[in-house]
Amino acid sequence: WKVKNQNGSITLEIDEKNINYKIDAKASTGEVKVKKDNLIYSEKTPNTIVAKTEKQDKSYKSLNLFLETANSAIILK
C-alpha cells in the first residue's frame, strides 16, 4: 500500500498477528509514532521509520506500507 497525504494525519491499525510487515513512513514536518512490538528498525528518527517484522514467518501474508505526509503525523497502532 502506498498512502500519501499533504495536510492531514495518517492513522493505521497494524495489529494483525499473521502478517509480515515492511514499513516505510515519513512525516516531513510531523512525527511518526509506532505502537507495535516485534519490529526491527533500520531507521528510526522522530519523523522517519523504516522497519520490518522481527521474525518473519513464510506462512504469513506480507504487507508493504509506504506512508508519507507533509504537514502532520503518522500513527501506527
C-alpha atoms as a PDB file:
ATOM      1  CA  TRP A   1       0.000   0.000   0.000  1.00  0.00           C
ATOM      2  CA  LYS A   2       1.190   3.486  -0.783  1.00  0.00           C
ATOM      3  CA  VAL A   3      -0.538   6.336   1.067  1.00  0.00           C
ATOM      4  CA  LYS A   4       0.357   9.996   0.614  1.00  0.00           C
ATOM      5  CA  ASN A   5      -1.250  12.952   2.352  1.00  0.00           C
ATOM      6  CA  GLN A   6      -0.495  16.673   2.383  1.00  0.00           C
ATOM      7  CA  ASN A   7      -2.207  18.330   5.339  1.00  0.00           C
ATOM      8  CA  GLY A   8      -3.713  15.571   7.449  1.00  0.00           C
ATOM      9  CA  SER A   9      -2.504  12.791   9.661  1.00  0.00           C
ATOM     10  CA  ILE A  10      -2.396   9.121   8.718  1.00  0.00           C
ATOM     11  CA  THR A  11      -3.584   6.679  11.373  1.00  0.00           C
ATOM     12  CA  LEU A  12      -3.394   2.986  10.628  1.00  0.00           C
ATOM     13  CA  GLU A  13      -4.023  -0.051  12.808  1.00  0.00           C
ATOM     14  CA  ILE A  14      -1.390  -2.747  12.200  1.00  0.00           C
ATOM     15  CA  ASP A  15      -2.313  -5.112  14.985  1.00  0.00           C
ATOM     16  CA  GLU A  16      -2.812  -8.233  12.873  1.00  0.00           C
ATOM     17  CA  LYS A  17      -0.744 -11.161  14.169  1.00  0.00           C
ATOM     18  CA  ASN A  18      -0.335 -13.260  10.998  1.00  0.00           C
ATOM     19  CA  ILE A  19       1.227 -10.641   8.726  1.00  0.00           C
ATOM     20  CA  ASN A  20       4.865  -9.868   7.941  1.00  0.00           C
ATOM     21  CA  TYR A  21       5.169  -6.075   7.793  1.00  0.00           C
ATOM     22  CA  LYS A  22       7.628  -3.847   5.944  1.00  0.00           C
ATOM     23  CA  ILE A  23       7.047  -0.226   6.873  1.00  0.00           C
ATOM     24  CA  ASP A  24       8.495   2.933   5.362  1.00  0.00           C
ATOM     25  CA  ALA A  25       6.869   6.007   6.932  1.00  0.00           C
ATOM     26  CA  LYS A  26       7.908   9.651   6.575  1.00  0.00           C
ATOM     27  CA  ALA A  27       6.284  12.775   8.019  1.00  0.00           C
ATOM     28  CA  SER A  28       8.070  15.886   6.690  1.00  0.00           C
ATOM     29  CA  THR A  29       7.102  18.261   9.496  1.00  0.00           C
ATOM     30  CA  GLY A  30       5.265  15.864  11.793  1.00  0.00           C
ATOM     31  CA  GLU A  31       6.072  12.849  13.902  1.00  0.00           C
ATOM     32  CA  VAL A  32       5.893   9.116  13.202  1.00  0.00           C
ATOM     33  CA  LYS A  33       4.625   7.070  16.155  1.00  0.00           C
ATOM     34  CA  VAL A  34       4.632   3.268  16.129  1.00  0.00           C
ATOM     35  CA  LYS A  35       2.817   1.347  18.866  1.00  0.00           C
ATOM     36  CA  LYS A  36       3.676  -2.152  17.649  1.00  0.00           C
ATOM     37  CA  ASP A  37       6.153  -4.571  19.147  1.00  0.00           C
ATOM     38  CA  ASN A  38       8.041  -7.195  17.154  1.00  0.00           C
ATOM     39  CA  LEU A  39       9.680  -4.771  14.686  1.00  0.00           C
ATOM     40  CA  ILE A  40      13.324  -4.346  13.683  1.00  0.00           C
ATOM     41  CA  TYR A  41      14.220  -0.763  12.764  1.00  0.00           C
ATOM     42  CA  SER A  42      16.778   0.060  10.089  1.00  0.00           C
ATOM     43  CA  GLU A  43      15.961   3.748  10.527  1.00  0.00           C
ATOM     44  CA  LYS A  44      14.169   5.423  13.414  1.00  0.00           C
ATOM     45  CA  THR A  45      14.013   9.197  13.830  1.00  0.00           C
ATOM     46  CA  PRO A  46      11.172  11.372  15.129  1.00  0.00           C
ATOM     47  CA  ASN A  47       9.807  11.818  11.588  1.00  0.00           C
ATOM     48  CA  THR A  48      11.001   8.670   9.742  1.00  0.00           C
ATOM     49  CA  ILE A  49      10.554   4.961  10.398  1.00  0.00           C
ATOM     50  CA  VAL A  50      11.867   2.106   8.274  1.00  0.00           C
ATOM     51  CA  ALA A  51      11.115  -1.241   9.890  1.00  0.00           C
ATOM     52  CA  LYS A  52      10.083  -4.836   9.302  1.00  0.00           C
ATOM     53  CA  THR A  53       8.630  -7.681  11.319  1.00  0.00           C
ATOM     54  CA  GLU A  54      11.289  -9.156  13.599  1.00  0.00           C
ATOM     55  CA  LYS A  55      10.730 -12.865  12.981  1.00  0.00           C
ATOM     56  CA  GLN A  56       9.110 -13.257   9.591  1.00  0.00           C
ATOM     57  CA  ASP A  57       7.095 -16.419   9.043  1.00  0.00           C
ATOM     58  CA  LYS A  58       6.878 -17.816   5.492  1.00  0.00           C
ATOM     59  CA  SER A  59       3.305 -18.993   6.093  1.00  0.00           C
ATOM     60  CA  TYR A  60       2.120 -15.445   6.912  1.00  0.00           C
ATOM     61  CA  LYS A  61       0.876 -12.854   4.451  1.00  0.00           C
ATOM     62  CA  SER A  62       3.168  -9.906   3.687  1.00  0.00           C
ATOM     63  CA  LEU A  63       2.216  -6.237   3.666  1.00  0.00           C
ATOM     64  CA  ASN A  64       4.470  -3.423   2.455  1.00  0.00           C
ATOM     65  CA  LEU A  65       3.419   0.013   3.694  1.00  0.00           C
ATOM     66  CA  PHE A  66       4.780   3.237   2.190  1.00  0.00           C
ATOM     67  CA  LEU A  67       3.301   6.153   4.125  1.00  0.00           C
ATOM     68  CA  GLU A  68       4.075   9.818   3.624  1.00  0.00           C
ATOM     69  CA  THR A  69       2.571  13.069   4.896  1.00  0.00           C
ATOM     70  CA  ALA A  70       3.809  16.624   4.646  1.00  0.00           C
ATOM     71  CA  ASN A  71       2.234  18.627   7.476  1.00  0.00           C
ATOM     72  CA  SER A  72       1.022  16.188  10.094  1.00  0.00           C
ATOM     73  CA  ALA A  73       1.758  12.941  11.940  1.00  0.00           C
ATOM     74  CA  ILE A  74       1.689   9.239  11.082  1.00  0.00           C
ATOM     75  CA  ILE A  75       0.408   6.916  13.814  1.00  0.00           C
ATOM     76  CA  LEU A  76       0.706   3.134  13.512  1.00  0.00           C
ATOM     77  CA  LYS A  77      -1.034   1.184  16.253  1.00  0.00           C
END
